Amino acid sequence: GEDIFEKVKKFQNSTVVRNGIFLNNFPPTTCNELRVAVVGPFLPGTINYDGLDLIKKTVKELPNTEFLFIGKTHDSFRNELNFKNTEFLGLVDNYSEVLKSCNVLFSPYPAYAKYLGSKNKFLEAGACEMPIITTSSGSVDFKQDLLLIGDSSTELIKLIESMKNENERKNIGKSLHVEIEKNYNANIEIKKIVKLYDEYL
């Protein structure tokens, strides 16, 4: 993780190989009006499913904001979010196209979910220049000043509403894209792996 790398690099040479994506596969969002993506799967036993209460409270208080749920979804999860402003697509073949049809990623995590490793959906949304709204536990091992972080439905609602400001939304999105291109670019990470492999041989 990033924290480990920061400590280790002070006293020995080290290479961190991060999760990476191919940026060409995730072009910038084309959505102008606020539209929020929530990426699953939403199945019992997953941290996405365990975030249901927070998601429900947030979605319910924003009846004029559209929430698009992407990924395999259990009926019990869908039934709890049966509002006019929600749409469930399930598994999709054209994921990147569906993702960029939104312009904000909403990804709250339960408090216990403090595992390391950048979430791929953060990288994908960042590549699409979409601001990411998450909780403190969701921000672990990612550059926090690029995320919008709230730990209650009240805080999350305010953050989502703030993204109605197109200029702010685009500025955050572009900063995220720069971060993904610099530090989570699959083309760069592959070269690191090849270099390490060559050194080992």
N, C-alpha and C. Protein backbone atom coordinates (compact mmCIF):
# COMPACT_ATOMS: atom_id res chain seq x y z
N GLY A 1 0.81 -1.20 0.00
CA GLY A 1 0.00 0.00 0.00
C GLY A 1 0.85 1.26 0.00
N GLU A 2 0.20 2.38 -0.24
CA GLU A 2 0.90 3.66 -0.32
C GLU A 2 1.59 4.00 1.00
N ASP A 3 0.95 3.74 2.13
CA ASP A 3 1.54 4.07 3.43
C ASP A 3 2.82 3.28 3.68
N ILE A 4 2.80 2.01 3.31
CA ILE A 4 3.99 1.17 3.48
C ILE A 4 5.13 1.67 2.60
N PHE A 5 4.80 2.01 1.37
CA PHE A 5 5.81 2.50 0.43
C PHE A 5 6.47 3.78 0.95
N GLU A 6 5.68 4.69 1.49
CA GLU A 6 6.22 5.95 2.01
C GLU A 6 7.22 5.71 3.13
N LYS A 7 6.97 4.71 3.96
CA LYS A 7 7.88 4.41 5.07
C LYS A 7 9.13 3.70 4.59
N VAL A 8 8.96 2.73 3.71
CA VAL A 8 10.08 1.89 3.27
C VAL A 8 11.06 2.68 2.41
N LYS A 9 10.58 3.58 1.57
CA LYS A 9 11.45 4.27 0.62
C LYS A 9 12.48 5.17 1.30
N LYS A 10 12.26 5.45 2.59
CA LYS A 10 13.20 6.32 3.33
C LYS A 10 14.52 5.63 3.62
N PHE A 11 14.53 4.30 3.67
CA PHE A 11 15.77 3.63 4.03
C PHE A 11 16.19 2.52 3.08
N GLN A 12 15.44 2.27 2.01
CA GLN A 12 15.89 1.30 1.02
C GLN A 12 15.18 1.53 -0.30
N ASN A 13 15.83 1.08 -1.37
CA ASN A 13 15.21 1.18 -2.68
C ASN A 13 13.99 0.28 -2.73
N SER A 14 12.95 0.78 -3.29
CA SER A 14 11.73 -0.03 -3.35
C SER A 14 10.91 0.36 -4.58
N THR A 15 10.11 -0.55 -5.01
CA THR A 15 9.20 -0.31 -6.14
C THR A 15 7.81 -0.72 -5.73
N VAL A 16 6.84 0.17 -5.91
CA VAL A 16 5.46 -0.18 -5.64
C VAL A 16 4.75 -0.37 -6.97
N VAL A 17 4.13 -1.52 -7.12
CA VAL A 17 3.33 -1.80 -8.31
C VAL A 17 1.87 -1.67 -7.90
N ARG A 18 1.22 -0.69 -8.45
CA ARG A 18 -0.16 -0.38 -8.07
C ARG A 18 -1.15 -1.07 -8.99
N ASN A 19 -2.40 -1.12 -8.53
CA ASN A 19 -3.48 -1.47 -9.45
C ASN A 19 -3.42 -0.47 -10.59
N GLY A 20 -3.68 -0.93 -11.78
CA GLY A 20 -3.63 -0.03 -12.93
C GLY A 20 -4.73 -0.32 -13.91
N ILE A 21 -5.11 0.70 -14.66
CA ILE A 21 -6.11 0.51 -15.72
C ILE A 21 -5.58 1.13 -17.01
N PHE A 22 -6.13 0.68 -18.12
CA PHE A 22 -5.80 1.26 -19.42
C PHE A 22 -6.73 2.45 -19.65
N LEU A 23 -6.17 3.64 -19.59
CA LEU A 23 -6.99 4.84 -19.62
C LEU A 23 -7.83 4.98 -20.88
N ASN A 24 -7.33 4.45 -22.00
CA ASN A 24 -8.10 4.56 -23.25
C ASN A 24 -9.43 3.83 -23.17
N ASN A 25 -9.53 2.88 -22.23
CA ASN A 25 -10.78 2.13 -22.08
C ASN A 25 -11.83 2.90 -21.30
N PHE A 26 -11.43 4.02 -20.68
CA PHE A 26 -12.35 4.78 -19.84
C PHE A 26 -12.28 6.27 -20.20
N PRO A 27 -12.93 6.65 -21.30
CA PRO A 27 -12.90 8.05 -21.73
C PRO A 27 -13.71 8.95 -20.79
N PRO A 28 -13.47 10.26 -20.85
CA PRO A 28 -14.15 11.21 -19.97
C PRO A 28 -15.68 11.15 -20.10
N THR A 29 -16.34 11.43 -18.99
CA THR A 29 -17.79 11.44 -18.97
C THR A 29 -18.36 12.44 -19.98
N THR A 30 -19.49 12.09 -20.54
CA THR A 30 -20.18 12.97 -21.49
C THR A 30 -21.47 13.51 -20.88
N CYS A 31 -21.65 13.30 -19.58
CA CYS A 31 -22.89 13.67 -18.90
C CYS A 31 -22.78 15.10 -18.35
N ASN A 32 -23.77 15.93 -18.63
CA ASN A 32 -23.76 17.31 -18.17
C ASN A 32 -24.58 17.54 -16.91
N GLU A 33 -25.76 16.93 -16.84
CA GLU A 33 -26.59 17.05 -15.65
C GLU A 33 -26.16 16.03 -14.60
N LEU A 34 -26.29 16.38 -13.32
CA LEU A 34 -25.85 15.49 -12.25
C LEU A 34 -26.54 14.13 -12.35
N ARG A 35 -25.73 13.11 -12.45
CA ARG A 35 -26.21 11.73 -12.52
C ARG A 35 -25.19 10.86 -11.80
N VAL A 36 -25.63 10.10 -10.82
CA VAL A 36 -24.73 9.41 -9.90
C VAL A 36 -24.68 7.91 -10.20
N ALA A 37 -23.47 7.39 -10.36
CA ALA A 37 -23.26 5.95 -10.53
C ALA A 37 -22.95 5.31 -9.19
N VAL A 38 -23.52 4.13 -8.95
CA VAL A 38 -23.21 3.32 -7.78
C VAL A 38 -22.85 1.94 -8.33
N VAL A 39 -21.60 1.52 -8.11
CA VAL A 39 -21.09 0.30 -8.75
C VAL A 39 -20.99 -0.83 -7.74
N GLY A 40 -21.57 -1.99 -8.10
CA GLY A 40 -21.59 -3.15 -7.23
C GLY A 40 -20.46 -4.13 -7.50
N PRO A 41 -20.69 -5.41 -7.21
CA PRO A 41 -21.99 -6.07 -7.03
C PRO A 41 -22.62 -5.77 -5.66
N PHE A 42 -23.95 -5.92 -5.62
CA PHE A 42 -24.71 -5.68 -4.40
C PHE A 42 -25.33 -7.00 -3.94
N LEU A 43 -24.46 -7.86 -3.43
CA LEU A 43 -24.86 -9.20 -3.02
C LEU A 43 -24.57 -9.39 -1.53
N PRO A 44 -25.38 -10.18 -0.84
CA PRO A 44 -25.13 -10.43 0.59
C PRO A 44 -23.70 -10.88 0.83
N GLY A 45 -23.08 -10.30 1.86
CA GLY A 45 -21.71 -10.66 2.19
C GLY A 45 -20.67 -9.75 1.57
N THR A 46 -21.07 -8.85 0.69
CA THR A 46 -20.13 -7.91 0.09
C THR A 46 -20.22 -6.57 0.81
N ILE A 47 -19.13 -5.80 0.77
CA ILE A 47 -19.15 -4.50 1.45
C ILE A 47 -20.10 -3.53 0.76
N ASN A 48 -20.35 -3.72 -0.53
CA ASN A 48 -21.32 -2.86 -1.21
C ASN A 48 -22.72 -3.09 -0.64
N TYR A 49 -23.05 -4.33 -0.41
CA TYR A 49 -24.37 -4.67 0.15
C TYR A 49 -24.48 -4.14 1.58
N ASP A 50 -23.40 -4.23 2.33
CA ASP A 50 -23.42 -3.79 3.73
C ASP A 50 -23.53 -2.28 3.87
N GLY A 51 -23.34 -1.57 2.78
CA GLY A 51 -23.52 -0.12 2.79
C GLY A 51 -24.95 0.31 2.52
N LEU A 52 -25.87 -0.65 2.50
CA LEU A 52 -27.26 -0.39 2.11
C LEU A 52 -27.92 0.71 2.92
N ASP A 53 -27.80 0.67 4.24
CA ASP A 53 -28.49 1.65 5.09
C ASP A 53 -28.06 3.08 4.74
N LEU A 54 -26.77 3.28 4.57
CA LEU A 54 -26.26 4.61 4.24
C LEU A 54 -26.69 5.03 2.84
N ILE A 55 -26.66 4.09 1.92
CA ILE A 55 -27.11 4.38 0.55
C ILE A 55 -28.59 4.74 0.54
N LYS A 56 -29.40 3.97 1.26
CA LYS A 56 -30.84 4.20 1.28
C LYS A 56 -31.19 5.58 1.83
N LYS A 57 -30.58 5.93 2.96
CA LYS A 57 -30.85 7.24 3.57
C LYS A 57 -30.47 8.37 2.63
N THR A 58 -29.37 8.20 1.94
CA THR A 58 -28.88 9.25 1.04
C THR A 58 -29.78 9.37 -0.19
N VAL A 59 -30.07 8.26 -0.83
CA VAL A 59 -30.89 8.27 -2.04
C VAL A 59 -32.29 8.80 -1.75
N LYS A 60 -32.85 8.42 -0.63
CA LYS A 60 -34.23 8.81 -0.27
C LYS A 60 -34.35 10.32 -0.11
N GLU A 61 -33.30 10.97 0.39
CA GLU A 61 -33.34 12.41 0.63
C GLU A 61 -32.97 13.24 -0.59
N LEU A 62 -32.68 12.57 -1.71
CA LEU A 62 -32.33 13.28 -2.95
C LEU A 62 -33.23 12.82 -4.08
N PRO A 63 -34.54 13.06 -3.97
CA PRO A 63 -35.50 12.52 -4.94
C PRO A 63 -35.33 13.07 -6.36
N ASN A 64 -34.66 14.19 -6.49
CA ASN A 64 -34.48 14.80 -7.82
C ASN A 64 -33.12 14.46 -8.44
N THR A 65 -32.36 13.60 -7.78
CA THR A 65 -31.06 13.17 -8.31
C THR A 65 -31.16 11.71 -8.73
N GLU A 66 -30.71 11.43 -9.94
CA GLU A 66 -30.80 10.06 -10.48
C GLU A 66 -29.60 9.23 -10.03
N PHE A 67 -29.89 8.03 -9.54
CA PHE A 67 -28.86 7.09 -9.12
C PHE A 67 -28.93 5.84 -10.01
N LEU A 68 -27.83 5.54 -10.65
CA LEU A 68 -27.76 4.39 -11.56
C LEU A 68 -26.91 3.31 -10.91
N PHE A 69 -27.52 2.15 -10.64
CA PHE A 69 -26.83 1.03 -9.99
C PHE A 69 -26.34 0.05 -11.05
N ILE A 70 -25.04 -0.21 -11.03
CA ILE A 70 -24.40 -1.06 -12.03
C ILE A 70 -23.80 -2.27 -11.34
N GLY A 71 -24.15 -3.45 -11.81
CA GLY A 71 -23.59 -4.67 -11.23
C GLY A 71 -24.69 -5.61 -10.74
N LYS A 72 -24.30 -6.86 -10.55
CA LYS A 72 -25.25 -7.87 -10.10
C LYS A 72 -25.85 -7.47 -8.75
N THR A 73 -27.18 -7.58 -8.65
CA THR A 73 -27.88 -7.05 -7.48
C THR A 73 -28.87 -8.08 -6.93
N HIS A 74 -28.81 -8.28 -5.62
CA HIS A 74 -29.77 -9.17 -4.95
C HIS A 74 -31.12 -8.48 -4.85
N ASP A 75 -32.19 -9.27 -4.96
CA ASP A 75 -33.54 -8.71 -4.91
C ASP A 75 -33.80 -7.91 -3.64
N SER A 76 -33.27 -8.38 -2.52
CA SER A 76 -33.52 -7.70 -1.25
C SER A 76 -32.91 -6.30 -1.24
N PHE A 77 -31.78 -6.15 -1.89
CA PHE A 77 -31.12 -4.84 -2.00
C PHE A 77 -31.94 -3.92 -2.89
N ARG A 78 -32.35 -4.44 -4.03
CA ARG A 78 -33.14 -3.65 -4.98
C ARG A 78 -34.47 -3.23 -4.37
N ASN A 79 -35.11 -4.12 -3.66
CA ASN A 79 -36.42 -3.81 -3.06
C ASN A 79 -36.33 -2.69 -2.03
N GLU A 80 -35.20 -2.62 -1.31
CA GLU A 80 -35.02 -1.56 -0.31
C GLU A 80 -34.82 -0.19 -0.96
N LEU A 81 -34.47 -0.19 -2.23
CA LEU A 81 -34.18 1.06 -2.93
C LEU A 81 -35.13 1.29 -4.09
N ASN A 82 -36.35 0.88 -3.90
CA ASN A 82 -37.36 1.00 -4.95
C ASN A 82 -37.95 2.42 -4.96
N PHE A 83 -37.12 3.37 -5.42
CA PHE A 83 -37.54 4.76 -5.51
C PHE A 83 -37.59 5.19 -6.97
N LYS A 84 -38.26 6.30 -7.22
CA LYS A 84 -38.38 6.80 -8.60
C LYS A 84 -37.04 7.28 -9.16
N ASN A 85 -36.12 7.60 -8.29
CA ASN A 85 -34.82 8.13 -8.75
C ASN A 85 -33.73 7.07 -8.83
N THR A 86 -34.10 5.78 -8.75
CA THR A 86 -33.11 4.71 -8.87
C THR A 86 -33.37 3.86 -10.11
N GLU A 87 -32.28 3.39 -10.71
CA GLU A 87 -32.38 2.48 -11.85
C GLU A 87 -31.32 1.40 -11.68
N PHE A 88 -31.72 0.14 -11.84
CA PHE A 88 -30.80 -0.99 -11.67
C PHE A 88 -30.56 -1.65 -13.03
N LEU A 89 -29.31 -1.68 -13.45
CA LEU A 89 -28.97 -2.24 -14.76
C LEU A 89 -28.45 -3.66 -14.69
N GLY A 90 -28.05 -4.12 -13.48
CA GLY A 90 -27.45 -5.44 -13.38
C GLY A 90 -26.10 -5.46 -14.06
N LEU A 91 -25.68 -6.64 -14.51
CA LEU A 91 -24.42 -6.75 -15.25
C LEU A 91 -24.58 -6.13 -16.63
N VAL A 92 -23.58 -5.40 -17.07
CA VAL A 92 -23.64 -4.74 -18.38
C VAL A 92 -22.42 -5.13 -19.21
N ASP A 93 -22.61 -5.23 -20.51
CA ASP A 93 -21.51 -5.57 -21.40
C ASP A 93 -20.65 -4.36 -21.73
N ASN A 94 -21.28 -3.19 -21.77
CA ASN A 94 -20.58 -1.96 -22.16
C ASN A 94 -20.33 -1.09 -20.92
N TYR A 95 -19.62 -1.66 -19.95
CA TYR A 95 -19.46 -1.01 -18.65
C TYR A 95 -18.91 0.41 -18.74
N SER A 96 -17.85 0.62 -19.50
CA SER A 96 -17.24 1.95 -19.56
C SER A 96 -18.20 2.98 -20.14
N GLU A 97 -18.99 2.57 -21.13
CA GLU A 97 -19.97 3.48 -21.72
C GLU A 97 -21.05 3.84 -20.72
N VAL A 98 -21.50 2.85 -19.96
CA VAL A 98 -22.53 3.09 -18.94
C VAL A 98 -21.97 3.99 -17.85
N LEU A 99 -20.73 3.72 -17.42
CA LEU A 99 -20.12 4.51 -16.36
C LEU A 99 -20.01 5.98 -16.76
N LYS A 100 -19.54 6.25 -17.96
CA LYS A 100 -19.35 7.64 -18.37
C LYS A 100 -20.64 8.34 -18.73
N SER A 101 -21.77 7.60 -18.69
CA SER A 101 -23.07 8.26 -18.86
C SER A 101 -23.49 8.93 -17.55
N CYS A 102 -22.72 8.70 -16.49
CA CYS A 102 -22.90 9.39 -15.20
C CYS A 102 -21.71 10.34 -15.03
N ASN A 103 -21.77 11.20 -14.00
CA ASN A 103 -20.63 12.11 -13.80
C ASN A 103 -20.16 12.20 -12.35
N VAL A 104 -20.70 11.34 -11.47
CA VAL A 104 -20.23 11.23 -10.10
C VAL A 104 -20.30 9.76 -9.69
N LEU A 105 -19.29 9.27 -8.98
CA LEU A 105 -19.35 7.93 -8.40
C LEU A 105 -19.66 8.06 -6.92
N PHE A 106 -20.70 7.35 -6.47
CA PHE A 106 -21.06 7.29 -5.06
C PHE A 106 -20.71 5.92 -4.54
N SER A 107 -19.77 5.86 -3.59
CA SER A 107 -19.26 4.56 -3.15
C SER A 107 -19.00 4.56 -1.65
N PRO A 108 -20.08 4.53 -0.84
CA PRO A 108 -19.89 4.49 0.62
C PRO A 108 -19.55 3.08 1.09
N TYR A 109 -18.68 3.01 2.09
CA TYR A 109 -18.29 1.73 2.66
C TYR A 109 -18.63 1.71 4.15
N PRO A 110 -18.99 0.54 4.69
CA PRO A 110 -19.22 0.46 6.14
C PRO A 110 -17.92 0.72 6.89
N ALA A 111 -18.05 1.12 8.16
CA ALA A 111 -16.88 1.55 8.94
C ALA A 111 -15.82 0.46 9.07
N TYR A 112 -16.21 -0.81 9.05
CA TYR A 112 -15.24 -1.89 9.27
C TYR A 112 -14.41 -2.20 8.04
N ALA A 113 -14.75 -1.63 6.91
CA ALA A 113 -14.15 -2.04 5.64
C ALA A 113 -12.84 -1.31 5.37
N LYS A 114 -11.91 -1.36 6.30
CA LYS A 114 -10.65 -0.64 6.16
C LYS A 114 -9.57 -1.54 5.56
N TYR A 115 -9.86 -2.12 4.41
CA TYR A 115 -8.85 -2.94 3.77
C TYR A 115 -8.01 -2.07 2.84
N LEU A 116 -6.79 -2.54 2.56
CA LEU A 116 -5.88 -1.78 1.72
C LEU A 116 -6.09 -2.12 0.25
N GLY A 117 -5.57 -1.25 -0.60
CA GLY A 117 -5.66 -1.48 -2.04
C GLY A 117 -6.70 -0.60 -2.67
N SER A 118 -6.29 0.15 -3.68
CA SER A 118 -7.23 1.04 -4.35
C SER A 118 -8.32 0.23 -5.04
N LYS A 119 -9.53 0.70 -4.92
CA LYS A 119 -10.66 0.01 -5.53
C LYS A 119 -10.66 0.30 -7.03
N ASN A 120 -10.82 -0.73 -7.84
CA ASN A 120 -10.79 -0.52 -9.28
C ASN A 120 -11.83 0.49 -9.73
N LYS A 121 -13.00 0.49 -9.10
CA LYS A 121 -14.03 1.43 -9.55
C LYS A 121 -13.62 2.88 -9.29
N PHE A 122 -12.78 3.12 -8.28
CA PHE A 122 -12.26 4.47 -8.07
C PHE A 122 -11.37 4.87 -9.25
N LEU A 123 -10.53 3.94 -9.68
CA LEU A 123 -9.63 4.22 -10.79
C LEU A 123 -10.41 4.44 -12.07
N GLU A 124 -11.41 3.62 -12.30
CA GLU A 124 -12.22 3.73 -13.52
C GLU A 124 -12.98 5.05 -13.55
N ALA A 125 -13.58 5.41 -12.42
CA ALA A 125 -14.31 6.69 -12.35
C ALA A 125 -13.36 7.87 -12.51
N GLY A 126 -12.19 7.78 -11.87
CA GLY A 126 -11.21 8.85 -11.98
C GLY A 126 -10.75 9.03 -13.42
N ALA A 127 -10.54 7.94 -14.12
CA ALA A 127 -10.15 8.01 -15.52
C ALA A 127 -11.24 8.69 -16.35
N CYS A 128 -12.50 8.47 -15.96
CA CYS A 128 -13.64 9.09 -16.64
C CYS A 128 -13.89 10.53 -16.18
N GLU A 129 -13.01 11.04 -15.32
CA GLU A 129 -13.11 12.41 -14.80
C GLU A 129 -14.38 12.60 -13.97
N MET A 130 -14.70 11.59 -13.18
CA MET A 130 -15.88 11.63 -12.31
C MET A 130 -15.46 11.80 -10.86
N PRO A 131 -15.91 12.84 -10.15
CA PRO A 131 -15.64 12.94 -8.72
C PRO A 131 -16.13 11.71 -7.97
N ILE A 132 -15.43 11.36 -6.88
CA ILE A 132 -15.75 10.16 -6.12
C ILE A 132 -16.18 10.56 -4.72
N ILE A 133 -17.38 10.18 -4.33
CA ILE A 133 -17.91 10.45 -3.01
C ILE A 133 -17.92 9.15 -2.22
N THR A 134 -17.22 9.14 -1.09
CA THR A 134 -17.09 7.91 -0.32
C THR A 134 -17.03 8.23 1.18
N THR A 135 -16.83 7.21 1.97
CA THR A 135 -16.69 7.36 3.43
C THR A 135 -15.21 7.26 3.80
N SER A 136 -14.89 7.53 5.06
CA SER A 136 -13.50 7.46 5.51
C SER A 136 -12.89 6.09 5.26
N SER A 137 -13.67 5.03 5.52
CA SER A 137 -13.16 3.68 5.31
C SER A 137 -12.93 3.39 3.83
N GLY A 138 -13.68 4.04 2.97
CA GLY A 138 -13.48 3.86 1.54
C GLY A 138 -12.28 4.59 0.99
N SER A 139 -11.77 5.55 1.77
CA SER A 139 -10.66 6.37 1.28
C SER A 139 -9.29 5.80 1.62
N VAL A 140 -9.26 4.67 2.32
CA VAL A 140 -7.98 4.07 2.71
C VAL A 140 -7.13 3.76 1.48
N ASP A 141 -5.86 4.14 1.56
CA ASP A 141 -4.88 3.83 0.51
C ASP A 141 -5.17 4.54 -0.81
N PHE A 142 -5.78 5.71 -0.73
CA PHE A 142 -6.00 6.53 -1.92
C PHE A 142 -5.73 7.98 -1.53
N LYS A 143 -5.34 8.81 -2.47
CA LYS A 143 -5.03 10.20 -2.19
C LYS A 143 -6.30 10.92 -1.73
N GLN A 144 -6.39 11.18 -0.43
CA GLN A 144 -7.65 11.63 0.16
C GLN A 144 -8.06 13.03 -0.26
N ASP A 145 -7.10 13.88 -0.62
CA ASP A 145 -7.49 15.24 -1.01
C ASP A 145 -8.17 15.28 -2.37
N LEU A 146 -8.21 14.15 -3.05
CA LEU A 146 -8.91 14.07 -4.33
C LEU A 146 -10.30 13.45 -4.19
N LEU A 147 -10.63 13.00 -2.98
CA LEU A 147 -11.92 12.37 -2.73
C LEU A 147 -12.83 13.31 -1.95
N LEU A 148 -14.13 13.11 -2.08
CA LEU A 148 -15.13 13.81 -1.27
C LEU A 148 -15.60 12.83 -0.21
N ILE A 149 -15.29 13.12 1.06
CA ILE A 149 -15.48 12.13 2.12
C ILE A 149 -16.50 12.59 3.14
N GLY A 150 -17.47 11.71 3.41
CA GLY A 150 -18.48 11.96 4.44
C GLY A 150 -18.82 10.66 5.13
N ASP A 151 -19.14 10.71 6.42
CA ASP A 151 -19.41 9.48 7.15
C ASP A 151 -20.84 9.37 7.67
N SER A 152 -21.67 10.30 7.30
CA SER A 152 -23.10 10.23 7.65
C SER A 152 -23.90 10.54 6.40
N SER A 153 -25.16 10.15 6.40
CA SER A 153 -26.00 10.45 5.24
C SER A 153 -26.12 11.95 5.03
N THR A 154 -26.15 12.71 6.12
CA THR A 154 -26.24 14.18 6.02
C THR A 154 -25.03 14.74 5.28
N GLU A 155 -23.84 14.28 5.65
CA GLU A 155 -22.62 14.74 5.00
C GLU A 155 -22.57 14.31 3.54
N LEU A 156 -22.97 13.08 3.27
CA LEU A 156 -22.94 12.56 1.91
C LEU A 156 -23.93 13.29 1.01
N ILE A 157 -25.09 13.60 1.56
CA ILE A 157 -26.10 14.34 0.80
C ILE A 157 -25.56 15.71 0.39
N LYS A 158 -24.92 16.40 1.33
CA LYS A 158 -24.36 17.71 1.04
C LYS A 158 -23.29 17.63 -0.04
N LEU A 159 -22.47 16.58 0.02
CA LEU A 159 -21.42 16.41 -0.98
C LEU A 159 -22.01 16.15 -2.36
N ILE A 160 -23.03 15.32 -2.43
CA ILE A 160 -23.66 15.05 -3.72
C ILE A 160 -24.31 16.31 -4.27
N GLU A 161 -24.99 17.05 -3.42
CA GLU A 161 -25.63 18.30 -3.87
C GLU A 161 -24.60 19.32 -4.35
N SER A 162 -23.42 19.31 -3.74
CA SER A 162 -22.37 20.25 -4.16
C SER A 162 -21.89 19.96 -5.58
N MET A 163 -22.10 18.73 -6.04
CA MET A 163 -21.66 18.35 -7.37
C MET A 163 -22.61 18.83 -8.47
N LYS A 164 -23.65 19.53 -8.10
CA LYS A 164 -24.48 20.20 -9.10
C LYS A 164 -23.74 21.36 -9.73
N ASN A 165 -22.70 21.81 -9.04
CA ASN A 165 -21.85 22.87 -9.57
C ASN A 165 -20.93 22.26 -10.64
N GLU A 166 -21.22 22.53 -11.88
CA GLU A 166 -20.52 21.89 -12.99
C GLU A 166 -19.02 22.19 -12.98
N ASN A 167 -18.66 23.43 -12.70
CA ASN A 167 -17.24 23.80 -12.71
C ASN A 167 -16.47 23.04 -11.63
N GLU A 168 -17.04 22.96 -10.44
CA GLU A 168 -16.37 22.23 -9.35
C GLU A 168 -16.26 20.75 -9.69
N ARG A 169 -17.34 20.22 -10.23
CA ARG A 169 -17.36 18.80 -10.60
C ARG A 169 -16.27 18.50 -11.63
N LYS A 170 -16.15 19.36 -12.62
CA LYS A 170 -15.17 19.13 -13.69
C LYS A 170 -13.75 19.32 -13.18
N ASN A 171 -13.54 20.29 -12.31
CA ASN A 171 -12.19 20.51 -11.77
C ASN A 171 -11.71 19.31 -10.96
N ILE A 172 -12.59 18.78 -10.11
CA ILE A 172 -12.23 17.60 -9.33
C ILE A 172 -11.99 16.42 -10.25
N GLY A 173 -12.85 16.25 -11.25
CA GLY A 173 -12.72 15.14 -12.19
C GLY A 173 -11.40 15.18 -12.95
N LYS A 174 -11.00 16.36 -13.39
CA LYS A 174 -9.75 16.48 -14.14
C LYS A 174 -8.54 16.19 -13.24
N SER A 175 -8.60 16.64 -11.98
CA SER A 175 -7.51 16.34 -11.05
C SER A 175 -7.39 14.84 -10.81
N LEU A 176 -8.52 14.17 -10.70
CA LEU A 176 -8.51 12.71 -10.54
C LEU A 176 -7.90 12.04 -11.76
N HIS A 177 -8.25 12.51 -12.93
CA HIS A 177 -7.73 11.92 -14.16
C HIS A 177 -6.21 12.03 -14.20
N VAL A 178 -5.68 13.18 -13.80
CA VAL A 178 -4.22 13.38 -13.77
C VAL A 178 -3.57 12.38 -12.81
N GLU A 179 -4.19 12.18 -11.64
CA GLU A 179 -3.66 11.23 -10.67
C GLU A 179 -3.67 9.80 -11.21
N ILE A 180 -4.74 9.41 -11.86
CA ILE A 180 -4.84 8.06 -12.42
C ILE A 180 -3.81 7.87 -13.52
N GLU A 181 -3.69 8.87 -14.37
CA GLU A 181 -2.74 8.78 -15.49
C GLU A 181 -1.31 8.66 -14.98
N LYS A 182 -1.01 9.35 -13.89
CA LYS A 182 0.36 9.36 -13.36
C LYS A 182 0.68 8.12 -12.53
N ASN A 183 -0.23 7.70 -11.67
CA ASN A 183 0.09 6.68 -10.67
C ASN A 183 -0.65 5.35 -10.82
N TYR A 184 -1.65 5.29 -11.68
CA TYR A 184 -2.42 4.04 -11.81
C TYR A 184 -2.61 3.66 -13.28
N ASN A 185 -1.63 4.00 -14.06
CA ASN A 185 -1.65 3.75 -15.50
C ASN A 185 -1.11 2.35 -15.77
N ALA A 186 -1.93 1.49 -16.32
CA ALA A 186 -1.53 0.09 -16.53
C ALA A 186 -0.28 -0.02 -17.40
N ASN A 187 -0.13 0.86 -18.36
CA ASN A 187 1.05 0.80 -19.23
C ASN A 187 2.33 1.02 -18.43
N ILE A 188 2.29 1.90 -17.45
CA ILE A 188 3.45 2.17 -16.60
C ILE A 188 3.68 1.03 -15.61
N GLU A 189 2.60 0.53 -15.02
CA GLU A 189 2.73 -0.54 -14.03
C GLU A 189 3.24 -1.83 -14.65
N ILE A 190 2.85 -2.09 -15.87
CA ILE A 190 3.34 -3.29 -16.58
C ILE A 190 4.86 -3.21 -16.78
N LYS A 191 5.34 -2.02 -17.13
CA LYS A 191 6.78 -1.84 -17.32
C LYS A 191 7.54 -2.08 -16.01
N LYS A 192 6.95 -1.68 -14.88
CA LYS A 192 7.58 -1.93 -13.58
C LYS A 192 7.72 -3.43 -13.33
N ILE A 193 6.66 -4.18 -13.64
CA ILE A 193 6.68 -5.62 -13.42
C ILE A 193 7.74 -6.29 -14.30
N VAL A 194 7.80 -5.87 -15.56
CA VAL A 194 8.80 -6.43 -16.48
C VAL A 194 10.21 -6.12 -15.99
N LYS A 195 10.43 -4.89 -15.51
CA LYS A 195 11.73 -4.50 -15.00
C LYS A 195 12.13 -5.34 -13.78
N LEU A 196 11.20 -5.53 -12.87
CA LEU A 196 11.47 -6.36 -11.68
C LEU A 196 11.78 -7.79 -12.09
N TYR A 197 11.04 -8.30 -13.06
CA TYR A 197 11.24 -9.67 -13.53
C TYR A 197 12.64 -9.81 -14.15
N ASP A 198 13.03 -8.80 -14.96
CA ASP A 198 14.35 -8.84 -15.59
C ASP A 198 15.46 -8.78 -14.55
N GLU A 199 15.26 -7.97 -13.50
CA GLU A 199 16.27 -7.86 -12.44
C GLU A 199 16.38 -9.17 -11.66
N TYR A 200 15.27 -9.83 -11.48
CA TYR A 200 15.27 -11.09 -10.74
C TYR A 200 16.03 -12.17 -11.52
N LEU A 201 15.86 -12.17 -12.83
CA LEU A 201 16.56 -13.15 -13.68
C LEU A 201 18.05 -12.82 -13.76
